C-alpha atoms as a PDB file:
ATOM      1  CA  MET A   1      -0.101  -0.239  -0.162  1.00  0.00           C
ATOM      2  CA  ASP A   2       2.941   2.436   1.068  1.00  0.00           C
ATOM      3  CA  LYS A   3       4.446   1.400  -2.516  1.00  0.00           C
ATOM      4  CA  PHE A   4       1.083   2.550  -4.451  1.00  0.00           C
ATOM      5  CA  ARG A   5       0.952   5.560  -2.569  1.00  0.00           C
ATOM      6  CA  MET A   6       4.424   6.593  -3.392  1.00  0.00           C
ATOM      7  CA  LEU A   7       4.028   5.790  -7.138  1.00  0.00           C
ATOM      8  CA  PHE A   8       0.484   7.702  -6.978  1.00  0.00           C
ATOM      9  CA  GLN A   9       2.356  10.665  -5.766  1.00  0.00           C
ATOM     10  CA  HIS A  10       5.338  10.539  -7.714  1.00  0.00           C
ATOM     11  CA  PHE A  11       2.458  10.501 -11.128  1.00  0.00           C
ATOM     12  CA  GLN A  12       0.394  13.367  -8.949  1.00  0.00           C
ATOM     13  CA  SER A  13       3.730  15.269  -8.880  1.00  0.00           C
ATOM     14  CA  SER A  14       5.544  14.764 -11.887  1.00  0.00           C
ATOM     15  CA  SER A  15       3.598  16.217 -15.290  1.00  0.00           C
ATOM     16  CA  GLU A  16       5.794  14.572 -17.688  1.00  0.00           C
ATOM     17  CA  SER A  17       4.881  10.839 -16.121  1.00  0.00           C
ATOM     18  CA  VAL A  18       1.402  12.279 -16.153  1.00  0.00           C
ATOM     19  CA  MET A  19       1.878  12.844 -19.867  1.00  0.00           C
ATOM     20  CA  ASN A  20       3.316   9.686 -20.474  1.00  0.00           C
ATOM     21  CA  GLY A  21       0.774   7.874 -18.979  1.00  0.00           C
ATOM     22  CA  VAL A  22      -1.855   9.615 -20.660  1.00  0.00           C
ATOM     23  CA  CYS A  23       0.129   8.863 -24.089  1.00  0.00           C
ATOM     24  CA  LEU A  24       0.339   5.261 -23.113  1.00  0.00           C
ATOM     25  CA  VAL A  25      -3.325   4.878 -22.664  1.00  0.00           C
ATOM     26  CA  LEU A  26      -4.191   6.438 -25.910  1.00  0.00           C
ATOM     27  CA  ALA A  27      -1.932   4.096 -27.629  1.00  0.00           C
ATOM     28  CA  VAL A  28      -3.538   0.904 -25.562  1.00  0.00           C
ATOM     29  CA  VAL A  29      -7.037   2.748 -26.975  1.00  0.00           C
ATOM     30  CA  THR A  30      -5.747   2.840 -30.100  1.00  0.00           C
ATOM     31  CA  VAL A  31      -5.055  -0.748 -30.926  1.00  0.00           C
ATOM     32  CA  LYS A  32      -8.206  -1.815 -29.162  1.00  0.00           C
ATOM     33  CA  LEU A  33     -10.073   0.235 -31.661  1.00  0.00           C
ATOM     34  CA  TYR A  34      -8.155  -0.664 -34.682  1.00  0.00           C
ATOM     35  CA  SER A  35      -8.413  -4.809 -33.388  1.00  0.00           C
ATOM     36  CA  SER A  36     -12.501  -3.907 -33.025  1.00  0.00           C
ATOM     37  CA  PHE A  37     -13.268  -1.886 -36.456  1.00  0.00           C
ATOM     38  CA  ASP A  38     -15.490  -3.384 -38.798  1.00  0.00           C
ATOM     39  CA  PHE A  39     -13.823  -2.607 -42.270  1.00  0.00           C
ATOM     40  CA  ASN A  40     -16.158  -2.638 -44.917  1.00  0.00           C
ATOM     41  CA  CYS A  41     -14.651  -1.304 -48.419  1.00  0.00           C
ATOM     42  CA  PRO A  42     -17.469   0.009 -50.533  1.00  0.00           C
ATOM     43  CA  CYS A  43     -15.642  -1.681 -53.954  1.00  0.00           C
ATOM     44  CA  LEU A  44     -16.700   1.051 -56.041  1.00  0.00           C
ATOM     45  CA  ALA A  45     -14.108   2.848 -58.022  1.00  0.00           C
ATOM     46  CA  ARG A  46     -15.192   6.581 -57.386  1.00  0.00           C
ATOM     47  CA  TYR A  47     -15.271   5.750 -53.662  1.00  0.00           C
ATOM     48  CA  ASN A  48     -12.450   3.220 -52.455  1.00  0.00           C
ATOM     49  CA  THR A  49      -9.999   5.835 -52.544  1.00  0.00           C
ATOM     50  CA  LEU A  50     -11.621   8.266 -50.431  1.00  0.00           C
ATOM     51  CA  TYR A  51     -12.859   5.691 -48.087  1.00  0.00           C
ATOM     52  CA  GLY A  52      -9.349   3.851 -47.834  1.00  0.00           C
ATOM     53  CA  LEU A  53      -7.579   7.228 -47.309  1.00  0.00           C
ATOM     54  CA  GLY A  54     -10.020   8.770 -44.688  1.00  0.00           C
ATOM     55  CA  LEU A  55      -9.550   5.453 -42.632  1.00  0.00           C
ATOM     56  CA  LEU A  56      -6.015   5.828 -42.492  1.00  0.00           C
ATOM     57  CA  PHE A  57      -5.900   9.401 -41.798  1.00  0.00           C
ATOM     58  CA  THR A  58      -8.859  10.675 -40.121  1.00  0.00           C
ATOM     59  CA  PRO A  59      -8.937   8.511 -36.847  1.00  0.00           C
ATOM     60  CA  PRO A  60      -4.977   9.915 -36.457  1.00  0.00           C
ATOM     61  CA  LEU A  61      -6.251  13.224 -36.639  1.00  0.00           C
ATOM     62  CA  VAL A  62      -9.048  12.487 -34.089  1.00  0.00           C
ATOM     63  CA  LEU A  63      -5.828  10.690 -31.629  1.00  0.00           C
ATOM     64  CA  PHE A  64      -4.210  13.699 -32.331  1.00  0.00           C
ATOM     65  CA  LEU A  65      -6.291  16.648 -31.159  1.00  0.00           C
ATOM     66  CA  CYS A  66      -7.443  14.019 -28.465  1.00  0.00           C
ATOM     67  CA  SER A  67      -3.872  13.820 -27.293  1.00  0.00           C
ATOM     68  CA  LEU A  68      -3.509  17.699 -27.293  1.00  0.00           C
ATOM     69  CA  LEU A  69      -6.553  18.384 -25.037  1.00  0.00           C
ATOM     70  CA  ALA A  70      -5.490  16.010 -22.741  1.00  0.00           C
ATOM     71  CA  ASN A  71      -1.708  17.415 -22.399  1.00  0.00           C
ATOM     72  CA  ARG A  72      -1.819  20.310 -19.892  1.00  0.00           C
ATOM     73  CA  GLN A  73       1.394  21.525 -21.424  1.00  0.00           C
ATOM     74  CA  SER A  74       0.162  22.517 -24.527  1.00  0.00           C
ATOM     75  CA  VAL A  75      -2.359  25.107 -23.057  1.00  0.00           C
ATOM     76  CA  VAL A  76       0.978  26.124 -20.703  1.00  0.00           C
ATOM     77  CA  MET A  77       2.795  26.578 -23.902  1.00  0.00           C
ATOM     78  CA  VAL A  78       0.079  28.674 -25.839  1.00  0.00           C
ATOM     79  CA  GLU A  79      -0.540  31.012 -22.617  1.00  0.00           C
ATOM     80  CA  GLU A  80       3.138  31.920 -22.597  1.00  0.00           C
ATOM     81  CA  TRP A  81       3.767  32.541 -26.152  1.00  0.00           C
ATOM     82  CA  ARG A  82       0.571  34.357 -26.523  1.00  0.00           C
ATOM     83  CA  ARG A  83       1.474  36.591 -22.813  1.00  0.00           C
ATOM     84  CA  PRO A  84       2.670  40.171 -22.863  1.00  0.00           C
ATOM     85  CA  ALA A  85       6.120  40.172 -22.193  1.00  0.00           C
ATOM     86  CA  GLY A  86       5.543  42.553 -18.772  1.00  0.00           C
ATOM     87  CA  HIS A  87       8.263  41.963 -16.063  1.00  0.00           C
ATOM     88  CA  ARG A  88       9.126  38.827 -17.433  1.00  0.00           C
ATOM     89  CA  ARG A  89      10.832  38.081 -20.759  1.00  0.00           C
ATOM     90  CA  LYS A  90       9.889  35.453 -23.194  1.00  0.00           C
ATOM     91  CA  ASP A  91      12.404  32.852 -24.137  1.00  0.00           C
ATOM     92  CA  PRO A  92      11.562  31.689 -27.745  1.00  0.00           C
ATOM     93  CA  GLY A  93      13.712  28.398 -26.601  1.00  0.00           C
ATOM     94  CA  ILE A  94      11.524  27.430 -23.953  1.00  0.00           C
ATOM     95  CA  ILE A  95       8.448  27.370 -25.957  1.00  0.00           C
ATOM     96  CA  ARG A  96      10.305  25.272 -28.721  1.00  0.00           C
ATOM     97  CA  TYR A  97      10.856  22.758 -26.126  1.00  0.00           C
ATOM     98  CA  MET A  98       7.863  23.131 -25.061  1.00  0.00           C
ATOM     99  CA  CYS A  99       6.283  22.482 -28.474  1.00  0.00           C
ATOM    100  CA  SER A 100       8.772  19.887 -29.089  1.00  0.00           C
ATOM    101  CA  SER A 101       7.424  18.068 -25.977  1.00  0.00           C
ATOM    102  CA  VAL A 102       3.986  18.291 -26.611  1.00  0.00           C
ATOM    103  CA  LEU A 103       4.144  17.308 -30.694  1.00  0.00           C
ATOM    104  CA  GLN A 104       5.689  14.002 -29.579  1.00  0.00           C
ATOM    105  CA  ARG A 105       3.540  12.880 -27.246  1.00  0.00           C
ATOM    106  CA  ALA A 106       0.888  13.687 -29.197  1.00  0.00           C
ATOM    107  CA  LEU A 107       1.982  11.954 -32.442  1.00  0.00           C
ATOM    108  CA  ALA A 108       2.420   8.670 -30.526  1.00  0.00           C
ATOM    109  CA  ALA A 109      -1.138   7.391 -30.722  1.00  0.00           C
ATOM    110  CA  PRO A 110      -1.496   8.299 -34.375  1.00  0.00           C
ATOM    111  CA  LEU A 111       1.604   7.205 -35.861  1.00  0.00           C
ATOM    112  CA  LEU A 112       0.022   3.577 -33.924  1.00  0.00           C
ATOM    113  CA  TRP A 113      -2.599   3.725 -35.719  1.00  0.00           C
ATOM    114  CA  ILE A 114      -1.095   4.344 -39.141  1.00  0.00           C
ATOM    115  CA  LEU A 115       1.682   1.782 -38.892  1.00  0.00           C
ATOM    116  CA  LEU A 116      -0.948  -0.900 -37.562  1.00  0.00           C
ATOM    117  CA  ALA A 117      -3.188   0.430 -41.013  1.00  0.00           C
ATOM    118  CA  LEU A 118      -0.042  -0.117 -43.171  1.00  0.00           C
ATOM    119  CA  LEU A 119       0.986  -3.624 -41.836  1.00  0.00           C
ATOM    120  CA  ASP A 120      -2.648  -4.799 -41.756  1.00  0.00           C
ATOM    121  CA  GLY A 121      -2.671  -3.615 -45.625  1.00  0.00           C
ATOM    122  CA  LYS A 122      -6.477  -3.233 -46.013  1.00  0.00           C
ATOM    123  CA  CYS A 123      -6.962   0.441 -46.080  1.00  0.00           C
ATOM    124  CA  PHE A 124      -4.154   0.247 -48.995  1.00  0.00           C
ATOM    125  CA  VAL A 125      -5.533  -2.233 -50.457  1.00  0.00           C
ATOM    126  CA  CYS A 126      -8.851  -0.878 -50.810  1.00  0.00           C
ATOM    127  CA  ALA A 127      -7.161   3.321 -51.395  1.00  0.00           C
ATOM    128  CA  PHE A 128      -5.356   1.572 -54.284  1.00  0.00           C
ATOM    129  CA  SER A 129      -6.688  -1.219 -55.710  1.00  0.00           C
ATOM    130  CA  SER A 130      -7.846   1.039 -58.502  1.00  0.00           C
ATOM    131  CA  SER A 131      -4.630   2.358 -59.344  1.00  0.00           C
ATOM    132  CA  VAL A 132      -2.760  -0.708 -60.260  1.00  0.00           C
ATOM    133  CA  ASP A 133      -1.375  -1.080 -63.379  1.00  0.00           C
ATOM    134  CA  PRO A 134      -3.117  -4.082 -64.984  1.00  0.00           C
ATOM    135  CA  GLU A 135      -0.023  -4.473 -67.285  1.00  0.00           C
ATOM    136  CA  LYS A 136       2.173  -5.920 -64.196  1.00  0.00           C
ATOM    137  CA  PHE A 137      -0.347  -9.056 -64.236  1.00  0.00           C
ATOM    138  CA  LEU A 138      -1.093 -11.514 -67.414  1.00  0.00           C
ATOM    139  CA  GLU A 139      -4.608 -12.165 -66.097  1.00  0.00           C
ATOM    140  CA  PHE A 140      -5.865  -9.209 -67.487  1.00  0.00           C
ATOM    141  CA  ALA A 141      -4.898  -9.385 -71.056  1.00  0.00           C
ATOM    142  CA  ASN A 142      -7.664 -10.529 -72.412  1.00  0.00           C
ATOM    143  CA  MET A 143     -10.115  -7.825 -70.503  1.00  0.00           C
ATOM    144  CA  THR A 144     -11.293  -4.407 -71.984  1.00  0.00           C
ATOM    145  CA  PRO A 145     -10.262  -0.994 -69.963  1.00  0.00           C
ATOM    146  CA  SER A 146     -13.834  -0.934 -68.577  1.00  0.00           C
ATOM    147  CA  GLN A 147     -14.125  -4.378 -67.632  1.00  0.00           C
ATOM    148  CA  VAL A 148     -10.470  -4.131 -65.986  1.00  0.00           C
ATOM    149  CA  GLN A 149     -11.583  -1.159 -64.024  1.00  0.00           C
ATOM    150  CA  LEU A 150     -14.397  -2.669 -62.610  1.00  0.00           C
ATOM    151  CA  PHE A 151     -12.356  -5.887 -61.721  1.00  0.00           C
ATOM    152  CA  LEU A 152     -10.108  -3.854 -59.769  1.00  0.00           C
ATOM    153  CA  ALA A 153     -12.389  -1.815 -57.924  1.00  0.00           C
ATOM    154  CA  LYS A 154     -13.588  -5.325 -56.703  1.00  0.00           C
ATOM    155  CA  VAL A 155     -10.571  -6.679 -55.564  1.00  0.00           C
ATOM    156  CA  PRO A 156     -11.232  -5.411 -51.498  1.00  0.00           C
ATOM    157  CA  CYS A 157     -14.403  -7.805 -51.398  1.00  0.00           C
ATOM    158  CA  LYS A 158     -13.267 -11.095 -51.879  1.00  0.00           C
ATOM    159  CA  GLU A 159     -17.042 -12.651 -51.706  1.00  0.00           C
ATOM    160  CA  ASP A 160     -18.078 -10.229 -54.528  1.00  0.00           C
ATOM    161  CA  GLU A 161     -19.412 -13.060 -57.715  1.00  0.00           C
ATOM    162  CA  LEU A 162     -17.153 -10.941 -60.094  1.00  0.00           C
ATOM    163  CA  VAL A 163     -13.852 -11.821 -58.319  1.00  0.00           C
ATOM    164  CA  ARG A 164     -14.762 -14.680 -56.103  1.00  0.00           C
ATOM    165  CA  ASN A 165     -11.751 -17.417 -56.084  1.00  0.00           C
ATOM    166  CA  SER A 166     -10.011 -15.334 -59.173  1.00  0.00           C
ATOM    167  CA  PRO A 167      -6.256 -15.535 -59.280  1.00  0.00           C
ATOM    168  CA  ALA A 168      -6.062 -12.072 -60.633  1.00  0.00           C
ATOM    169  CA  ARG A 169      -7.771 -10.827 -57.205  1.00  0.00           C
ATOM    170  CA  LYS A 170      -5.513 -12.525 -55.199  1.00  0.00           C
ATOM    171  CA  ALA A 171      -2.487 -11.627 -57.550  1.00  0.00           C
ATOM    172  CA  VAL A 172      -3.447  -7.997 -57.130  1.00  0.00           C
ATOM    173  CA  SER A 173      -4.241  -7.974 -53.138  1.00  0.00           C
ATOM    174  CA  ARG A 174      -1.030  -9.854 -52.354  1.00  0.00           C
ATOM    175  CA  TYR A 175       0.788  -7.211 -54.573  1.00  0.00           C
ATOM    176  CA  LEU A 176      -0.873  -4.461 -52.769  1.00  0.00           C
ATOM    177  CA  ARG A 177      -0.494  -5.899 -49.307  1.00  0.00           C
ATOM    178  CA  CYS A 178       3.644  -6.387 -49.620  1.00  0.00           C
ATOM    179  CA  LEU A 179       3.742  -2.904 -50.709  1.00  0.00           C
ATOM    180  CA  SER A 180       1.733  -1.456 -47.778  1.00  0.00           C
ATOM    181  CA  GLN A 181       3.636  -3.706 -45.287  1.00  0.00           C
ATOM    182  CA  ALA A 182       6.994  -2.373 -47.052  1.00  0.00           C
ATOM    183  CA  ILE A 183       5.687   0.910 -46.391  1.00  0.00           C
ATOM    184  CA  GLY A 184       4.906   0.236 -42.670  1.00  0.00           C
ATOM    185  CA  TRP A 185       8.019  -1.598 -41.756  1.00  0.00           C
ATOM    186  CA  SER A 186      10.515   1.014 -43.466  1.00  0.00           C
ATOM    187  CA  ILE A 187       8.502   3.802 -41.234  1.00  0.00           C
ATOM    188  CA  THR A 188       8.680   1.627 -38.113  1.00  0.00           C
ATOM    189  CA  LEU A 189      12.428   1.373 -38.776  1.00  0.00           C
ATOM    190  CA  LEU A 190      12.982   4.913 -39.537  1.00  0.00           C
ATOM    191  CA  LEU A 191      11.139   6.070 -36.332  1.00  0.00           C
ATOM    192  CA  ILE A 192      13.451   3.386 -34.198  1.00  0.00           C
ATOM    193  CA  VAL A 193      16.654   4.733 -35.624  1.00  0.00           C
ATOM    194  CA  ALA A 194      15.816   8.249 -35.089  1.00  0.00           C
ATOM    195  CA  ALA A 195      14.733   7.689 -31.593  1.00  0.00           C
ATOM    196  CA  PHE A 196      18.075   5.723 -31.332  1.00  0.00           C
ATOM    197  CA  LEU A 197      20.378   8.124 -32.203  1.00  0.00           C
ATOM    198  CA  ALA A 198      18.528  11.208 -30.652  1.00  0.00           C
ATOM    199  CA  ARG A 199      18.943   8.739 -27.234  1.00  0.00           C
ATOM    200  CA  CYS A 200      22.691   8.062 -28.066  1.00  0.00           C
ATOM    201  CA  LEU A 201      23.787  11.262 -29.601  1.00  0.00           C
ATOM    202  CA  ARG A 202      22.228  13.795 -26.896  1.00  0.00           C
ATOM    203  CA  PRO A 203      25.124  12.962 -24.356  1.00  0.00           C
ATOM    204  CA  CYS A 204      27.612  13.801 -26.770  1.00  0.00           C
ATOM    205  CA  PHE A 205      26.687  17.608 -26.659  1.00  0.00           C
ATOM    206  CA  ASP A 206      26.432  20.249 -24.067  1.00  0.00           C
ATOM    207  CA  GLN A 207      23.342  19.403 -22.027  1.00  0.00           C
ATOM    208  CA  THR A 208      23.349  23.098 -20.329  1.00  0.00           C
ATOM    209  CA  VAL A 209      20.718  24.181 -22.633  1.00  0.00           C
ATOM    210  CA  PHE A 210      18.505  21.173 -22.300  1.00  0.00           C
ATOM    211  CA  LEU A 211      18.821  21.023 -18.827  1.00  0.00           C
ATOM    212  CA  GLN A 212      17.557  25.059 -18.470  1.00  0.00           C
ATOM    213  CA  ARG A 213      14.654  24.419 -20.825  1.00  0.00           C
ATOM    214  CA  ARG A 214      13.401  21.448 -19.324  1.00  0.00           C
ATOM    215  CA  TYR A 215      13.751  23.258 -15.966  1.00  0.00           C
ATOM    216  CA  TRP A 216      11.780  26.369 -16.686  1.00  0.00           C
ATOM    217  CA  SER A 217       9.083  24.664 -18.396  1.00  0.00           C
ATOM    218  CA  ASN A 218       8.475  22.426 -15.378  1.00  0.00           C
ATOM    219  CA  TYR A 219       8.507  25.746 -13.828  1.00  0.00           C
ATOM    220  CA  MET A 220       5.764  27.074 -15.894  1.00  0.00           C
ATOM    221  CA  ASP A 221       3.748  24.506 -15.336  1.00  0.00           C
ATOM    222  CA  LEU A 222       4.166  23.976 -11.633  1.00  0.00           C
ATOM    223  CA  GLU A 223       3.612  27.705 -11.432  1.00  0.00           C
ATOM    224  CA  GLN A 224       0.370  27.711 -12.932  1.00  0.00           C
ATOM    225  CA  LYS A 225      -1.031  24.997 -10.713  1.00  0.00           C
ATOM    226  CA  LEU A 226       0.388  26.684  -7.604  1.00  0.00           C
ATOM    227  CA  PHE A 227      -1.310  29.742  -9.066  1.00  0.00           C
ATOM    228  CA  ASP A 228      -4.632  27.947  -9.681  1.00  0.00           C
ATOM    229  CA  GLU A 229      -4.414  26.289  -6.168  1.00  0.00           C
ATOM    230  CA  THR A 230      -3.874  29.370  -4.295  1.00  0.00           C
ATOM    231  CA  CYS A 231      -6.912  31.275  -6.256  1.00  0.00           C
ATOM    232  CA  CYS A 232      -9.137  28.254  -4.932  1.00  0.00           C
ATOM    233  CA  GLU A 233      -8.234  28.863  -1.031  1.00  0.00           C
ATOM    234  CA  HIS A 234      -8.304  32.563  -1.783  1.00  0.00           C
ATOM    235  CA  ALA A 235     -11.891  32.094  -3.492  1.00  0.00           C
ATOM    236  CA  ARG A 236     -12.761  29.841  -0.532  1.00  0.00           C
ATOM    237  CA  ASP A 237     -11.857  32.084   2.283  1.00  0.00           C
ATOM    238  CA  PHE A 238     -12.966  35.209   0.432  1.00  0.00           C
ATOM    239  CA  ALA A 239     -16.313  33.607   0.136  1.00  0.00           C
ATOM    240  CA  HIS A 240     -16.776  32.362   3.815  1.00  0.00           C
ATOM    241  CA  ARG A 241     -15.982  36.181   4.745  1.00  0.00           C
ATOM    242  CA  CYS A 242     -18.615  37.406   2.407  1.00  0.00           C
ATOM    243  CA  VAL A 243     -21.056  35.259   4.015  1.00  0.00           C
ATOM    244  CA  LEU A 244     -19.840  36.382   7.337  1.00  0.00           C
ATOM    245  CA  HIS A 245     -20.193  39.568   6.846  1.00  0.00           C
ATOM    246  CA  PHE A 246     -23.879  38.991   5.104  1.00  0.00           C
ATOM    247  CA  PHE A 247     -24.764  37.404   8.394  1.00  0.00           C
ATOM    248  CA  ALA A 248     -23.471  40.096  10.262  1.00  0.00           C
ATOM    249  CA  SER A 249     -25.414  42.777   8.079  1.00  0.00           C
ATOM    250  CA  MET A 250     -28.451  40.893   8.546  1.00  0.00           C
ATOM    251  CA  GLN A 251     -27.882  40.610  12.660  1.00  0.00           C
ATOM    252  CA  SER A 252     -27.749  44.613  12.859  1.00  0.00           C
ATOM    253  CA  GLU A 253     -30.650  45.291  10.554  1.00  0.00           C
ATOM    254  CA  MET A 254     -32.402  42.754  13.123  1.00  0.00           C
ATOM    255  CA  ARG A 255     -31.454  44.513  15.890  1.00  0.00           C
ATOM    256  CA  ALA A 256     -32.709  47.701  14.574  1.00  0.00           C
ATOM    257  CA  ARG A 257     -36.288  46.467  13.821  1.00  0.00           C
ATOM    258  CA  GLY A 258     -36.368  44.965  16.953  1.00  0.00           C
ATOM    259  CA  LEU A 259     -36.132  41.541  16.026  1.00  0.00           C
ATOM    260  CA  GLY A 260     -32.934  40.534  17.891  1.00  0.00           C
ATOM    261  CA  ARG A 261     -35.427  39.167  21.359  1.00  0.00           C
ATOM    262  CA  ASP A 262     -37.683  37.134  21.030  1.00  0.00           C
ATOM    263  CA  PRO A 263     -41.377  38.354  21.975  1.00  0.00           C
ATOM    264  CA  ALA A 264     -41.154  37.790  25.713  1.00  0.00           C
ATOM    265  CA  GLY A 265     -38.093  39.321  25.646  1.00  0.00           C
ATOM    266  CA  ARG A 266     -36.296  36.489  27.528  1.00  0.00           C
ATOM    267  CA  GLY A 267     -33.765  35.731  25.337  1.00  0.00           C
ATOM    268  CA  ALA A 268     -30.336  37.342  24.849  1.00  0.00           C
ATOM    269  CA  GLU A 269     -28.826  38.520  21.761  1.00  0.00           C
ATOM    270  CA  PRO A 270     -27.346  36.405  19.813  1.00  0.00           C
ATOM    271  CA  PRO A 271     -23.738  36.703  20.108  1.00  0.00           C
ATOM    272  CA  GLU A 272     -21.454  38.144  17.519  1.00  0.00           C
ATOM    273  CA  MET A 273     -20.564  35.659  14.484  1.00  0.00           C
ATOM    274  CA  SER A 274     -17.027  35.239  14.424  1.00  0.00           C
ATOM    275  CA  GLU A 275     -14.492  34.009  11.967  1.00  0.00           C
ATOM    276  CA  PRO A 276     -13.179  30.112  12.587  1.00  0.00           C
ATOM    277  CA  PRO A 277      -9.476  30.443  13.965  1.00  0.00           C
ATOM    278  CA  GLU A 278      -6.922  30.222  11.229  1.00  0.00           C
ATOM    279  CA  THR A 279      -5.414  26.762  10.490  1.00  0.00           C
ATOM    280  CA  SER A 280      -1.656  25.767  10.175  1.00  0.00           C
ATOM    281  CA  GLU A 281      -2.430  25.043   6.522  1.00  0.00           C
ATOM    282  CA  SER A 282      -0.059  27.328   4.320  1.00  0.00           C
ATOM    283  CA  PRO A 283       0.552  27.339   0.160  1.00  0.00           C
ATOM    284  CA  GLU A 284       3.873  25.934  -0.343  1.00  0.00           C
ATOM    285  CA  GLY A 285       6.477  28.713  -0.515  1.00  0.00           C
ATOM    286  CA  MET A 286       4.738  31.101   2.419  1.00  0.00           C
ATOM    287  CA  ASP A 287       5.113  30.826   5.701  1.00  0.00           C
ATOM    288  CA  GLY A 288       1.466  30.041   7.462  1.00  0.00           C
ATOM    289  CA  GLU A 289       0.351  33.268   8.844  1.00  0.00           C
ATOM    290  CA  SER A 290       2.125  35.671   6.424  1.00  0.00           C
ATOM    291  CA  GLY A 291       0.571  33.710   3.476  1.00  0.00           C
ATOM    292  CA  LYS A 292      -2.883  33.825   5.013  1.00  0.00           C
ATOM    293  CA  ALA A 293      -2.290  37.558   5.687  1.00  0.00           C
ATOM    294  CA  HIS A 294      -1.247  38.036   2.006  1.00  0.00           C
ATOM    295  CA  LEU A 295      -4.301  36.235   0.688  1.00  0.00           C
ATOM    296  CA  ARG A 296      -6.843  37.950   3.284  1.00  0.00           C
ATOM    297  CA  ALA A 297      -5.442  41.304   2.041  1.00  0.00           C
ATOM    298  CA  VAL A 298      -7.142  40.940  -1.542  1.00  0.00           C
ATOM    299  CA  SER A 299     -10.692  41.743   0.130  1.00  0.00           C
ATOM    300  CA  SER A 300     -12.496  43.439  -2.524  1.00  0.00           C
ATOM    301  CA  ARG A 301     -13.880  42.348  -6.041  1.00  0.00           C
ATOM    302  CA  GLU A 302     -11.868  45.427  -7.670  1.00  0.00           C
ATOM    303  CA  GLN A 303      -8.587  43.912  -6.008  1.00  0.00           C
ATOM    304  CA  VAL A 304      -9.403  40.358  -7.343  1.00  0.00           C
ATOM    305  CA  ASN A 305      -9.599  41.290 -10.633  1.00  0.00           C
ATOM    306  CA  HIS A 306      -6.868  43.666 -10.463  1.00  0.00           C
ATOM    307  CA  LEU A 307      -4.849  40.942  -9.326  1.00  0.00           C
ATOM    308  CA  LEU A 308      -5.887  38.577 -12.001  1.00  0.00           C
ATOM    309  CA  SER A 309      -5.395  40.640 -15.051  1.00  0.00           C
ATOM    310  CA  THR A 310      -1.548  41.950 -13.157  1.00  0.00           C
ATOM    311  CA  TRP A 311      -1.074  38.060 -13.241  1.00  0.00           C
ATOM    312  CA  TYR A 312      -1.920  38.028 -16.913  1.00  0.00           C
ATOM    313  CA  SER A 313      -0.112  41.460 -18.363  1.00  0.00           C
ATOM    314  CA  ARG A 314       2.567  41.430 -15.960  1.00  0.00           C
ATOM    315  CA  LYS A 315       4.068  38.642 -14.493  1.00  0.00           C
ATOM    316  CA  PRO A 316       6.685  38.731 -11.770  1.00  0.00           C
ATOM    317  CA  PRO A 317      10.054  38.860 -12.620  1.00  0.00           C
ATOM    318  CA  LEU A 318      11.775  35.581 -11.508  1.00  0.00           C
ATOM    319  CA  ASP A 319      14.418  36.964  -8.947  1.00  0.00           C
ATOM    320  CA  LEU A 320      13.190  36.419  -5.267  1.00  0.00           C
ATOM    321  CA  ALA A 321      15.706  38.524  -4.222  1.00  0.00           C
ATOM    322  CA  ALA A 322      14.223  41.909  -5.941  1.00  0.00           C
ATOM    323  CA  PRO A 323      11.976  43.937  -3.721  1.00  0.00           C
ATOM    324  CA  PRO A 324       8.055  42.854  -3.192  1.00  0.00           C
ATOM    325  CA  GLY A 325       5.526  44.898  -5.393  1.00  0.00           C
ATOM    326  CA  LEU A 326       4.306  44.558  -9.112  1.00  0.00           C
ATOM    327  CA  GLY A 327       5.473  47.265 -10.918  1.00  0.00           C
ATOM    328  CA  GLY A 328       5.683  49.438  -7.888  1.00  0.00           C
ATOM    329  CA  ARG A 329       1.959  49.883  -8.173  1.00  0.00           C
ATOM    330  CA  GLY A 330       0.744  46.650  -5.663  1.00  0.00           C
ATOM    331  CA  LEU A 331      -2.541  45.260  -5.456  1.00  0.00           C
ATOM    332  CA  SER A 332      -3.983  47.987  -3.354  1.00  0.00           C
ATOM    333  CA  HIS A 333      -6.717  49.496  -5.081  1.00  0.00           C
ATOM    334  CA  ARG A 334      -9.336  50.387  -2.150  1.00  0.00           C
ATOM    335  CA  ALA A 335      -7.311  49.445   1.137  1.00  0.00           C
ATOM    336  CA  PRO A 336      -3.760  48.791   1.813  1.00  0.00           C
ATOM    337  CA  PRO A 337      -2.631  45.338   2.518  1.00  0.00           C
ATOM    338  CA  ALA A 338      -2.599  44.134   6.170  1.00  0.00           C
ATOM    339  CA  ALA A 339       0.718  43.300   7.841  1.00  0.00           C
ATOM    340  CA  PRO A 340       1.641  39.725   8.392  1.00  0.00           C
ATOM    341  CA  GLY A 341      -0.065  38.091  11.334  1.00  0.00           C
ATOM    342  CA  THR A 342      -2.872  41.037  11.462  1.00  0.00           C
ATOM    343  CA  ARG A 343      -6.292  40.125  11.001  1.00  0.00           C
ATOM    344  CA  LEU A 344      -8.934  41.887   8.940  1.00  0.00           C
ATOM    345  CA  SER A 345     -12.239  43.294  10.396  1.00  0.00           C
ATOM    346  CA  GLN A 346     -15.206  40.727  10.245  1.00  0.00           C
ATOM    347  CA  HIS A 347     -16.978  43.874   7.833  1.00  0.00           C
ATOM    348  CA  THR A 348     -15.050  42.870   4.768  1.00  0.00           C
ATOM    349  CA  ASP A 349     -15.545  45.399   1.873  1.00  0.00           C
ATOM    350  CA  VAL A 350     -17.667  43.238  -0.801  1.00  0.00           C
END
């Protein structure tokens, strides 16, 4: 159980491991889909090529788009590419590294589908049966051109009466299958050789740039995750304070209308609703009390909107030694930020 928990925490903390797992799942789904797919070529001269090529390339396109949607780094890459420079300059090398990483994972399932289809040969036979040169086969010598075209269109349908038990059909089908498998194995060999060379030759070159780009691509992903988690924590705390503020306001209004006591006047006034004590939980990278104070300092809708727009337009520089603040303006639109360790008033500006 402890090993399973450690493995789960590793996958949860590592974006690359998660994406590799997603690619593996999509690859397994690709194999399962292809093995369960019922292939039915129309066996018509005008539609064989369209059906065969469509089945060869349309599912890979769908799998490619699904892989991009499932990969979180694709969104982070586009956001980094399109964001304003602000106080943090953009490095095109990091964007190229992220694009390469995203494309490598997104192309795994589509390439697997194409290779399976080529090695199986059915799509290739259906797509190119009408394009075969009849002069390569002696069986077509006694046929007219129209009969040859009709016969070639029926080659993928071995149960058709026109081509059933015909040696010419078997010869054409065998020729196209061999060609399809040759292309499939050639692509497979090419991909394996390219991966082998990339793996073996990488240590021969300086790894500094690669390590830097890998580090900062992981940093961007983790930074966005932590920002989203911190926003969720602030939204929960902000909603809680708004509800308390509403109840406190209603309590004052009920007192003004004389509704704070029961009709006999024996009940005591309800006590002031106070906020629960702050827990020791804190976002990563912040001290508990100080982090809570920074979150609670943003206490109005205008401040929240300004914070979010500033995060998008002027991300802070990657220098923790620099003085705090965003462009010298800060976040204070209506109230100054509270000092660390202090508590705000219960009557929050909503």
